[in-house]
């Protein structure tokens, strides 16, 4: 790796951006502009998407949000809304205005989800197609934020929904896990991974099309060791971007000599 410190140490290569696999999606929960600058200065080449977490940026000034989006975009990072903000716009019957504003403010991708609301299959597909026509990269999310509702969703249902999203034009489908990574989707209440479920989802949908939310290190290690370093991972904390990349490259004890 030309120009990197400790260049005498050989490490595994990774595809350069724009990547189609091995994506890292970072959760921005309201970083200040200077913190965002520090993040991209040190780690932009390892970040593929930044999601403006749930509704956090509704509480920030428009000027600051636009500056951050431009900063991220200038560093070849896709920037997306949080799914919850879309869901609020849907409930308020403002999705047309929402997408127009997202375009004006500089978002390059959008997340479509129904984790806290209900959207019919037909309407969900139509929304995805509309976003694609507007030029957005579309990420969809499958799963419910309420653990009891989520537990009612079968693996077959999740696979079917993901395939329909992809057919409608989604770039990737995210498996819901919330910020905590516990008690939802592929995680039990302690945050441990349901291996059989991961296997069936990967076989049914395809690893290239799937993104697993994995906020905790133990979860990241599991996916990298079991699905390989090019697994797509989301809900990564800004401070964990470099640590995650070291896991992908075998530069940390958890994956050293195991990839």
Protein backbone atom coordinates (compact mmCIF):
# COMPACT_ATOMS: atom_id res chain seq x y z
CA UNK A 1 0.00 0.00 0.00
CA UNK A 2 1.93 2.98 -1.33
CA UNK A 3 2.35 5.80 1.14
CA UNK A 4 1.03 3.90 4.15
CA UNK A 5 2.90 3.55 7.42
CA UNK A 6 4.72 0.27 8.11
CA UNK A 7 4.77 -0.47 4.39
CA UNK A 8 7.20 -3.32 5.01
CA UNK A 9 4.25 -5.38 6.29
CA UNK A 10 2.36 -7.24 3.57
CA UNK A 11 -1.43 -7.22 3.88
CA UNK A 12 -4.33 -8.44 1.78
CA UNK A 13 -5.47 -6.14 -1.01
CA UNK A 14 -8.98 -4.74 -1.11
CA UNK A 15 -10.89 -3.38 -4.09
CA UNK A 16 -10.73 0.39 -4.27
CA UNK A 17 -13.83 2.56 -4.32
CA UNK A 18 -16.28 2.50 -5.92
CA UNK A 19 -16.70 -1.04 -4.57
CA UNK A 20 -19.67 -3.30 -5.16
CA UNK A 21 -18.87 -5.71 -2.33
CA UNK A 22 -17.11 -5.47 1.00
CA UNK A 23 -18.98 -2.25 1.72
CA UNK A 24 -18.74 -0.41 5.01
CA UNK A 25 -21.73 1.73 5.97
CA UNK A 26 -21.05 4.16 8.81
CA UNK A 27 -23.71 5.58 11.12
CA UNK A 28 -23.41 9.35 11.63
CA UNK A 29 -25.54 10.16 14.68
CA UNK A 30 -24.93 13.90 14.49
CA UNK A 31 -21.20 14.44 14.06
CA UNK A 32 -20.07 18.04 14.06
CA UNK A 33 -18.41 19.29 10.90
CA UNK A 34 -14.88 19.20 12.35
CA UNK A 35 -15.43 15.65 13.60
CA UNK A 36 -16.61 14.71 10.10
CA UNK A 37 -13.46 16.29 8.66
CA UNK A 38 -11.29 14.22 11.00
CA UNK A 39 -13.19 11.08 10.00
CA UNK A 40 -12.72 11.51 6.26
CA UNK A 41 -9.10 12.64 6.62
CA UNK A 42 -8.16 9.42 8.36
CA UNK A 43 -10.63 6.88 7.01
CA UNK A 44 -12.48 8.01 3.86
CA UNK A 45 -10.99 5.29 1.67
CA UNK A 46 -12.51 2.63 3.93
CA UNK A 47 -16.02 4.15 4.02
CA UNK A 48 -18.48 3.48 1.22
CA UNK A 49 -21.70 4.88 2.65
CA UNK A 50 -22.55 7.20 5.52
CA UNK A 51 -26.08 7.08 6.89
CA UNK A 52 -27.42 10.13 8.70
CA UNK A 53 -28.85 8.15 11.62
CA UNK A 54 -32.64 7.91 12.03
CA UNK A 55 -33.93 11.51 12.56
CA UNK A 56 -30.81 13.02 14.15
CA UNK A 57 -30.13 15.56 11.43
CA UNK A 58 -33.59 17.09 11.67
CA UNK A 59 -32.14 18.79 14.76
CA UNK A 60 -29.07 20.20 12.96
CA UNK A 61 -28.81 23.38 10.91
CA UNK A 62 -29.37 22.93 7.20
CA UNK A 63 -26.05 24.65 6.47
CA UNK A 64 -24.08 22.19 8.64
CA UNK A 65 -25.84 19.17 7.14
CA UNK A 66 -25.24 20.38 3.58
CA UNK A 67 -21.56 21.03 4.33
CA UNK A 68 -21.16 17.54 5.78
CA UNK A 69 -22.91 15.90 2.85
CA UNK A 70 -20.67 17.80 0.43
CA UNK A 71 -17.59 16.82 2.45
CA UNK A 72 -18.55 13.15 2.34
CA UNK A 73 -19.47 13.27 -1.34
CA UNK A 74 -16.19 14.98 -2.23
CA UNK A 75 -14.46 11.98 -0.63
CA UNK A 76 -16.36 9.47 -2.79
CA UNK A 77 -18.75 8.44 -0.01
CA UNK A 78 -22.44 7.86 -0.68
CA UNK A 79 -24.66 9.68 1.81
CA UNK A 80 -28.08 8.39 2.82
CA UNK A 81 -30.95 9.40 5.06
CA UNK A 82 -31.87 7.26 8.03
CA UNK A 83 -34.84 5.00 7.37
CA UNK A 84 -36.85 6.41 10.27
CA UNK A 85 -36.86 9.90 8.73
CA UNK A 86 -38.33 8.42 5.54
CA UNK A 87 -40.95 6.60 7.61
CA UNK A 88 -41.96 9.85 9.33
CA UNK A 89 -42.26 11.55 5.94
CA UNK A 90 -44.42 8.66 4.75
CA UNK A 91 -46.74 8.95 7.76
CA UNK A 92 -47.02 12.70 7.16
CA UNK A 93 -47.75 12.07 3.46
CA UNK A 94 -44.71 14.07 2.43
CA UNK A 95 -42.55 11.52 0.61
CA UNK A 96 -42.51 13.50 -2.65
CA UNK A 97 -41.31 16.59 -0.78
CA UNK A 98 -38.89 14.43 1.20
CA UNK A 99 -37.20 13.00 -1.90
CA UNK A 100 -37.07 16.41 -3.58
CA UNK A 101 -35.45 17.91 -0.50
CA UNK A 102 -33.02 14.98 -0.20
CA UNK A 103 -31.97 15.65 -3.78
CA UNK A 104 -31.61 19.39 -3.18
CA UNK A 105 -29.57 18.97 -0.01
CA UNK A 106 -27.14 16.65 -1.79
CA UNK A 107 -28.00 13.12 -0.70
CA UNK A 108 -26.72 10.60 -3.20
CA UNK A 109 -28.62 7.59 -1.84
CA UNK A 110 -31.79 6.94 0.11
CA UNK A 111 -32.89 4.29 2.54
CA UNK A 112 -36.40 2.89 2.30
CA UNK A 113 -37.70 0.97 5.30
CA UNK A 114 -40.87 0.10 7.17
CA UNK A 115 -39.38 -0.88 10.51
CA UNK A 116 -41.95 1.10 12.50
CA UNK A 117 -44.77 1.47 9.97
CA UNK A 118 -46.65 -0.60 7.40
CA UNK A 119 -46.25 -0.12 3.65
CA UNK A 120 -47.89 -2.40 1.10
CA UNK A 121 -45.63 -4.48 -1.11
CA UNK A 122 -46.84 -2.73 -4.25
CA UNK A 123 -46.27 0.75 -2.86
CA UNK A 124 -42.84 -0.16 -1.50
CA UNK A 125 -41.72 -1.36 -4.94
CA UNK A 126 -43.13 1.77 -6.58
CA UNK A 127 -41.24 4.00 -4.12
CA UNK A 128 -38.00 2.15 -4.88
CA UNK A 129 -38.52 2.59 -8.63
CA UNK A 130 -39.31 6.28 -8.18
CA UNK A 131 -36.09 6.83 -6.23
CA UNK A 132 -34.05 5.05 -8.90
CA UNK A 133 -35.62 7.27 -11.55
CA UNK A 134 -34.50 10.31 -9.52
CA UNK A 135 -30.91 9.06 -9.68
CA UNK A 136 -30.54 7.82 -6.11
CA UNK A 137 -28.76 4.66 -5.07
CA UNK A 138 -31.45 2.83 -3.10
CA UNK A 139 -30.83 0.82 0.06
CA UNK A 140 -33.78 -0.96 1.60
CA UNK A 141 -34.12 -2.49 5.03
CA UNK A 142 -35.98 -5.66 5.95
CA UNK A 143 -37.13 -6.23 9.52
CA UNK A 144 -39.06 -4.55 12.31
CA UNK A 145 -37.73 -2.43 15.12
CA UNK A 146 -40.07 -3.96 17.69
CA UNK A 147 -38.60 -7.33 18.78
CA UNK A 148 -42.00 -8.99 19.03
CA UNK A 149 -43.05 -7.90 15.55
CA UNK A 150 -39.66 -8.81 14.11
CA UNK A 151 -39.79 -12.30 15.64
CA UNK A 152 -42.95 -12.98 13.64
CA UNK A 153 -41.12 -12.53 10.33
CA UNK A 154 -39.96 -15.84 8.90
CA UNK A 155 -36.68 -16.31 7.08
CA UNK A 156 -38.62 -17.12 3.90
CA UNK A 157 -40.51 -13.83 4.23
CA UNK A 158 -37.27 -11.86 4.63
CA UNK A 159 -35.78 -13.56 1.56
CA UNK A 160 -38.89 -12.90 -0.50
CA UNK A 161 -39.05 -9.22 0.53
CA UNK A 162 -35.35 -8.74 -0.21
CA UNK A 163 -35.70 -10.26 -3.68
CA UNK A 164 -38.68 -8.05 -4.49
CA UNK A 165 -36.74 -4.98 -3.36
CA UNK A 166 -33.83 -5.96 -5.59
CA UNK A 167 -36.16 -6.61 -8.52
CA UNK A 168 -37.59 -3.11 -8.03
CA UNK A 169 -34.10 -1.60 -8.25
CA UNK A 170 -32.59 -1.63 -4.75
CA UNK A 171 -28.78 -1.67 -4.73
CA UNK A 172 -28.46 -3.58 -1.46
CA UNK A 173 -30.85 -4.93 1.15
CA UNK A 174 -29.99 -4.31 4.80
CA UNK A 175 -31.00 -6.78 7.50
CA UNK A 176 -32.42 -4.71 10.37
CA UNK A 177 -30.54 -4.95 13.67
CA UNK A 178 -30.96 -1.47 15.15
CA UNK A 179 -28.08 0.47 16.67
CA UNK A 180 -27.70 -1.98 19.55
CA UNK A 181 -27.41 -5.14 17.45
CA UNK A 182 -29.49 -7.09 19.96
CA UNK A 183 -32.80 -8.95 19.85
CA UNK A 184 -33.60 -8.19 16.20
CA UNK A 185 -33.12 -10.13 12.97
CA UNK A 186 -30.03 -12.34 13.01
CA UNK A 187 -29.22 -11.43 16.65
CA UNK A 188 -30.55 -12.88 19.87
CA UNK A 189 -31.21 -10.75 22.97
CA UNK A 190 -27.53 -10.93 23.97
CA UNK A 191 -26.34 -9.84 20.52
CA UNK A 192 -25.12 -13.29 19.54
CA UNK A 193 -25.58 -14.30 15.91
CA UNK A 194 -28.08 -16.89 14.73
CA UNK A 195 -25.76 -18.76 12.40
CA UNK A 196 -28.43 -20.86 10.68
CA UNK A 197 -30.42 -17.74 9.88
CA UNK A 198 -27.39 -15.98 8.41
CA UNK A 199 -26.65 -19.04 6.26
CA UNK A 200 -30.21 -19.24 4.90
CA UNK A 201 -30.41 -15.51 4.20
CA UNK A 202 -27.07 -15.54 2.41
CA UNK A 203 -28.01 -18.58 0.33
CA UNK A 204 -31.46 -17.21 -0.44
CA UNK A 205 -30.50 -13.64 -1.34
CA UNK A 206 -26.80 -13.67 -2.14
CA UNK A 207 -23.93 -12.19 -0.16
CA UNK A 208 -23.24 -9.48 -2.73
CA UNK A 209 -26.78 -8.10 -2.38
CA UNK A 210 -26.99 -8.32 1.42
CA UNK A 211 -25.76 -5.95 4.09
CA UNK A 212 -25.71 -7.01 7.73
CA UNK A 213 -25.89 -4.34 10.41
CA UNK A 214 -23.04 -5.24 12.78
CA UNK A 215 -22.32 -2.52 15.34
CA UNK A 216 -20.32 -4.73 17.70
CA UNK A 217 -16.80 -6.07 17.15
CA UNK A 218 -17.77 -9.68 17.97
CA UNK A 219 -20.45 -9.51 15.27
CA UNK A 220 -18.01 -8.08 12.71
CA UNK A 221 -15.53 -10.85 13.50
CA UNK A 222 -18.20 -13.53 13.02
CA UNK A 223 -19.24 -12.24 9.61
CA UNK A 224 -15.68 -11.80 8.38
CA UNK A 225 -14.60 -15.26 9.50
CA UNK A 226 -17.74 -16.98 8.22
CA UNK A 227 -18.58 -14.99 5.09
CA UNK A 228 -15.18 -13.54 4.25
CA UNK A 229 -13.59 -10.08 4.42
CA UNK A 230 -15.77 -8.78 1.57
CA UNK A 231 -19.03 -9.06 3.50
CA UNK A 232 -21.11 -5.86 3.47
CA UNK A 233 -21.44 -4.42 6.99
CA UNK A 234 -23.51 -1.52 8.29
CA UNK A 235 -24.19 0.52 11.42
CA UNK A 236 -20.46 0.89 11.98
CA UNK A 237 -19.51 3.56 14.50
CA UNK A 238 -17.20 6.28 13.11
CA UNK A 239 -14.49 5.35 15.60
CA UNK A 240 -14.69 1.70 14.48
CA UNK A 241 -14.00 2.23 10.77
CA UNK A 242 -10.26 1.61 11.02
CA UNK A 243 -10.63 -1.25 13.55
CA UNK A 244 -13.10 -2.93 11.17
CA UNK A 245 -10.74 -2.53 8.24
CA UNK A 246 -7.96 -4.16 10.27
CA UNK A 247 -10.28 -7.11 10.83
CA UNK A 248 -10.91 -7.33 7.08
CA UNK A 249 -7.14 -7.27 6.40
CA UNK A 250 -6.01 -9.73 9.10
CA UNK A 251 -4.32 -6.95 11.07
CA UNK A 252 -6.02 -7.81 14.35
CA UNK A 253 -5.67 -10.89 16.51
CA UNK A 254 -9.28 -11.95 15.91
CA UNK A 255 -8.66 -12.55 12.20
CA UNK A 256 -4.87 -12.83 12.05
CA UNK A 257 -3.95 -15.92 10.01
CA UNK A 258 -7.59 -16.96 9.68
CA UNK A 259 -8.60 -15.33 6.40
